[in-house]
Amino acid sequence: MRIGVARANSIAKLPEPLQVIDIKNTDPYSHILDLIVKDDVRHIVVGLPVLASGDDSDQTKKVRDFTSALAKLVKVPIAFINESYSSVYADTYLKDKKWQGQHSNDSLAACVLLQRFFDEGGQNV
């Protein structure tokens, strides 16, 4: 499993892809804690994978469990946002812009989620 990471300035609110955390090869909690300090993160937005019906899936529970553990380690607010089709949008964007190899669809999908967060009236990130 991978975690796409994006960031946005709280004033400009323009998401930018940052990186991908491969949780098989690194401790994702330590990595996220390092990013919080390094980038002065003030809010975390987590994509929540739900079924087309809006119901939770097995993956939804895994994400909630991961986020619950993360929330015990961080002092910044964490918000969930529906991640439906975010990877599809990222893949389409990469194809349209001919950016394959330059950016990861995971980090671009994270940008999509940040933009949704802002569009839905989310707090400053």
C-alpha atoms as a PDB file:
ATOM      1  CA  MET A   1       0.000   0.000   0.000  1.00  0.00           C
ATOM      2  CA  ARG A   2       1.154   3.508  -0.781  1.00  0.00           C
ATOM      3  CA  ILE A   3       0.240   6.880   0.646  1.00  0.00           C
ATOM      4  CA  GLY A   4       0.238   9.792  -1.775  1.00  0.00           C
ATOM      5  CA  VAL A   5       1.327  13.028  -0.163  1.00  0.00           C
ATOM      6  CA  ALA A   6       0.513  16.529  -1.332  1.00  0.00           C
ATOM      7  CA  ARG A   7       0.680  19.895   0.350  1.00  0.00           C
ATOM      8  CA  ALA A   8      -0.868  23.273  -0.080  1.00  0.00           C
ATOM      9  CA  ASN A   9      -0.154  26.722   1.200  1.00  0.00           C
ATOM     10  CA  SER A  10      -2.933  27.848   3.516  1.00  0.00           C
ATOM     11  CA  ILE A  11      -3.281  31.179   1.726  1.00  0.00           C
ATOM     12  CA  ALA A  12      -2.986  30.244  -1.941  1.00  0.00           C
ATOM     13  CA  LYS A  13      -4.702  26.860  -1.475  1.00  0.00           C
ATOM     14  CA  LEU A  14      -2.949  25.406  -4.508  1.00  0.00           C
ATOM     15  CA  PRO A  15      -2.203  21.720  -3.952  1.00  0.00           C
ATOM     16  CA  GLU A  16       1.116  20.381  -5.178  1.00  0.00           C
ATOM     17  CA  PRO A  17       2.280  16.767  -5.323  1.00  0.00           C
ATOM     18  CA  LEU A  18       4.992  16.025  -2.808  1.00  0.00           C
ATOM     19  CA  GLN A  19       5.859  12.338  -2.547  1.00  0.00           C
ATOM     20  CA  VAL A  20       4.664   8.788  -2.049  1.00  0.00           C
ATOM     21  CA  ILE A  21       5.190   6.800   1.123  1.00  0.00           C
ATOM     22  CA  ASP A  22       5.558   3.078   0.483  1.00  0.00           C
ATOM     23  CA  ILE A  23       4.404   1.602   3.781  1.00  0.00           C
ATOM     24  CA  LYS A  24       6.032  -1.747   3.022  1.00  0.00           C
ATOM     25  CA  ASN A  25       9.475  -0.166   3.042  1.00  0.00           C
ATOM     26  CA  THR A  26       9.173   2.533   5.694  1.00  0.00           C
ATOM     27  CA  ASP A  27       7.392   3.326   8.930  1.00  0.00           C
ATOM     28  CA  PRO A  28       4.598   5.572   7.653  1.00  0.00           C
ATOM     29  CA  TYR A  29       3.918   7.099  11.070  1.00  0.00           C
ATOM     30  CA  SER A  30       7.508   8.269  11.539  1.00  0.00           C
ATOM     31  CA  HIS A  31       7.596   9.515   7.964  1.00  0.00           C
ATOM     32  CA  ILE A  32       4.395  11.518   8.459  1.00  0.00           C
ATOM     33  CA  LEU A  33       5.645  12.918  11.769  1.00  0.00           C
ATOM     34  CA  ASP A  34       8.827  14.065  10.011  1.00  0.00           C
ATOM     35  CA  LEU A  35       6.771  15.768   7.298  1.00  0.00           C
ATOM     36  CA  ILE A  36       4.627  17.531   9.893  1.00  0.00           C
ATOM     37  CA  VAL A  37       7.716  19.068  11.471  1.00  0.00           C
ATOM     38  CA  LYS A  38       9.575  19.757   8.211  1.00  0.00           C
ATOM     39  CA  ASP A  39       6.646  21.380   6.402  1.00  0.00           C
ATOM     40  CA  ASP A  40       4.907  22.924   9.435  1.00  0.00           C
ATOM     41  CA  VAL A  41       1.744  20.930   8.698  1.00  0.00           C
ATOM     42  CA  ARG A  42      -1.336  22.352  10.394  1.00  0.00           C
ATOM     43  CA  HIS A  43      -3.994  19.969   9.111  1.00  0.00           C
ATOM     44  CA  ILE A  44      -4.022  16.464   7.651  1.00  0.00           C
ATOM     45  CA  VAL A  45      -6.526  15.402   5.008  1.00  0.00           C
ATOM     46  CA  VAL A  46      -7.023  11.662   4.570  1.00  0.00           C
ATOM     47  CA  GLY A  47      -8.753  10.098   1.590  1.00  0.00           C
ATOM     48  CA  LEU A  48     -11.475   7.713   2.670  1.00  0.00           C
ATOM     49  CA  PRO A  49     -12.214   4.890   0.222  1.00  0.00           C
ATOM     50  CA  VAL A  50     -15.954   4.273   0.223  1.00  0.00           C
ATOM     51  CA  LEU A  51     -18.047   2.158  -2.097  1.00  0.00           C
ATOM     52  CA  ALA A  52     -20.108   3.791  -4.866  1.00  0.00           C
ATOM     53  CA  SER A  53     -23.134   3.238  -2.609  1.00  0.00           C
ATOM     54  CA  GLY A  54     -21.436   5.367   0.047  1.00  0.00           C
ATOM     55  CA  ASP A  55     -20.982   2.371   2.325  1.00  0.00           C
ATOM     56  CA  ASP A  56     -17.696   1.427   3.935  1.00  0.00           C
ATOM     57  CA  SER A  57     -15.477  -1.201   2.362  1.00  0.00           C
ATOM     58  CA  ASP A  58     -12.800  -3.397   3.924  1.00  0.00           C
ATOM     59  CA  GLN A  59     -10.251  -0.785   2.854  1.00  0.00           C
ATOM     60  CA  THR A  60     -12.297   1.939   4.596  1.00  0.00           C
ATOM     61  CA  LYS A  61     -11.798   0.150   7.917  1.00  0.00           C
ATOM     62  CA  LYS A  62      -8.049  -0.136   7.301  1.00  0.00           C
ATOM     63  CA  VAL A  63      -7.816   3.591   6.578  1.00  0.00           C
ATOM     64  CA  ARG A  64      -9.869   4.463   9.658  1.00  0.00           C
ATOM     65  CA  ASP A  65      -7.676   2.214  11.824  1.00  0.00           C
ATOM     66  CA  PHE A  66      -4.491   3.720  10.381  1.00  0.00           C
ATOM     67  CA  THR A  67      -5.827   7.239  10.923  1.00  0.00           C
ATOM     68  CA  SER A  68      -6.911   6.435  14.463  1.00  0.00           C
ATOM     69  CA  ALA A  69      -3.375   5.299  15.279  1.00  0.00           C
ATOM     70  CA  LEU A  70      -1.957   8.401  13.584  1.00  0.00           C
ATOM     71  CA  ALA A  71      -4.281  10.686  15.547  1.00  0.00           C
ATOM     72  CA  LYS A  72      -2.725   9.384  18.778  1.00  0.00           C
ATOM     73  CA  LEU A  73       0.699  10.538  17.572  1.00  0.00           C
ATOM     74  CA  VAL A  74      -0.037  13.967  16.097  1.00  0.00           C
ATOM     75  CA  LYS A  75      -1.392  17.207  17.473  1.00  0.00           C
ATOM     76  CA  VAL A  76      -2.876  18.512  14.231  1.00  0.00           C
ATOM     77  CA  PRO A  77      -6.490  18.042  13.170  1.00  0.00           C
ATOM     78  CA  ILE A  78      -7.259  15.216  10.761  1.00  0.00           C
ATOM     79  CA  ALA A  79     -10.137  15.366   8.293  1.00  0.00           C
ATOM     80  CA  PHE A  80     -11.530  12.674   6.023  1.00  0.00           C
ATOM     81  CA  ILE A  81     -12.517  13.350   2.428  1.00  0.00           C
ATOM     82  CA  ASN A  82     -14.155  10.933   0.006  1.00  0.00           C
ATOM     83  CA  GLU A  83     -11.423   9.678  -2.304  1.00  0.00           C
ATOM     84  CA  SER A  84     -13.745   8.254  -4.954  1.00  0.00           C
ATOM     85  CA  TYR A  85     -12.235   8.518  -8.431  1.00  0.00           C
ATOM     86  CA  SER A  86      -9.279  10.615  -7.257  1.00  0.00           C
ATOM     87  CA  SER A  87      -6.824   8.162  -8.834  1.00  0.00           C
ATOM     88  CA  VAL A  88      -8.857   8.143 -12.055  1.00  0.00           C
ATOM     89  CA  TYR A  89      -8.641  11.942 -12.214  1.00  0.00           C
ATOM     90  CA  ALA A  90      -4.908  11.791 -11.493  1.00  0.00           C
ATOM     91  CA  ASP A  91      -4.319   9.158 -14.186  1.00  0.00           C
ATOM     92  CA  THR A  92      -6.299  11.188 -16.719  1.00  0.00           C
ATOM     93  CA  TYR A  93      -4.366  14.324 -15.835  1.00  0.00           C
ATOM     94  CA  LEU A  94      -1.036  12.530 -16.204  1.00  0.00           C
ATOM     95  CA  LYS A  95      -2.082  11.154 -19.584  1.00  0.00           C
ATOM     96  CA  ASP A  96      -3.461  14.470 -20.859  1.00  0.00           C
ATOM     97  CA  LYS A  97      -0.356  16.371 -19.759  1.00  0.00           C
ATOM     98  CA  LYS A  98       2.002  13.590 -20.866  1.00  0.00           C
ATOM     99  CA  TRP A  99       3.618  13.678 -17.416  1.00  0.00           C
ATOM    100  CA  GLN A 100       4.025   9.934 -16.903  1.00  0.00           C
ATOM    101  CA  GLY A 101       7.221   9.295 -15.017  1.00  0.00           C
ATOM    102  CA  GLN A 102       7.472  12.866 -13.753  1.00  0.00           C
ATOM    103  CA  HIS A 103       4.794  12.607 -11.075  1.00  0.00           C
ATOM    104  CA  SER A 104       3.121   9.759  -9.242  1.00  0.00           C
ATOM    105  CA  ASN A 105      -0.587   9.285  -9.648  1.00  0.00           C
ATOM    106  CA  ASP A 106      -0.696   8.717  -5.861  1.00  0.00           C
ATOM    107  CA  SER A 107       0.642  12.174  -5.055  1.00  0.00           C
ATOM    108  CA  LEU A 108      -1.532  13.742  -7.759  1.00  0.00           C
ATOM    109  CA  ALA A 109      -4.558  11.923  -6.320  1.00  0.00           C
ATOM    110  CA  ALA A 110      -3.611  13.508  -2.987  1.00  0.00           C
ATOM    111  CA  CYS A 111      -3.772  16.879  -4.759  1.00  0.00           C
ATOM    112  CA  VAL A 112      -7.283  16.038  -5.950  1.00  0.00           C
ATOM    113  CA  LEU A 113      -8.264  15.278  -2.357  1.00  0.00           C
ATOM    114  CA  LEU A 114      -6.811  18.542  -1.070  1.00  0.00           C
ATOM    115  CA  GLN A 115      -8.669  20.465  -3.747  1.00  0.00           C
ATOM    116  CA  ARG A 116     -11.924  18.710  -2.768  1.00  0.00           C
ATOM    117  CA  PHE A 117     -11.229  19.611   0.846  1.00  0.00           C
ATOM    118  CA  PHE A 118     -10.845  23.281  -0.068  1.00  0.00           C
ATOM    119  CA  ASP A 119     -13.843  23.227  -2.408  1.00  0.00           C
ATOM    120  CA  GLU A 120     -15.988  21.795   0.380  1.00  0.00           C
ATOM    121  CA  GLY A 121     -14.990  24.596   2.710  1.00  0.00           C
ATOM    122  CA  GLY A 122     -12.185  22.827   4.559  1.00  0.00           C
ATOM    123  CA  GLN A 123     -10.018  24.720   6.974  1.00  0.00           C
ATOM    124  CA  ASN A 124      -6.582  26.025   6.137  1.00  0.00           C
ATOM    125  CA  VAL A 125      -4.028  23.327   5.510  1.00  0.00           C
END
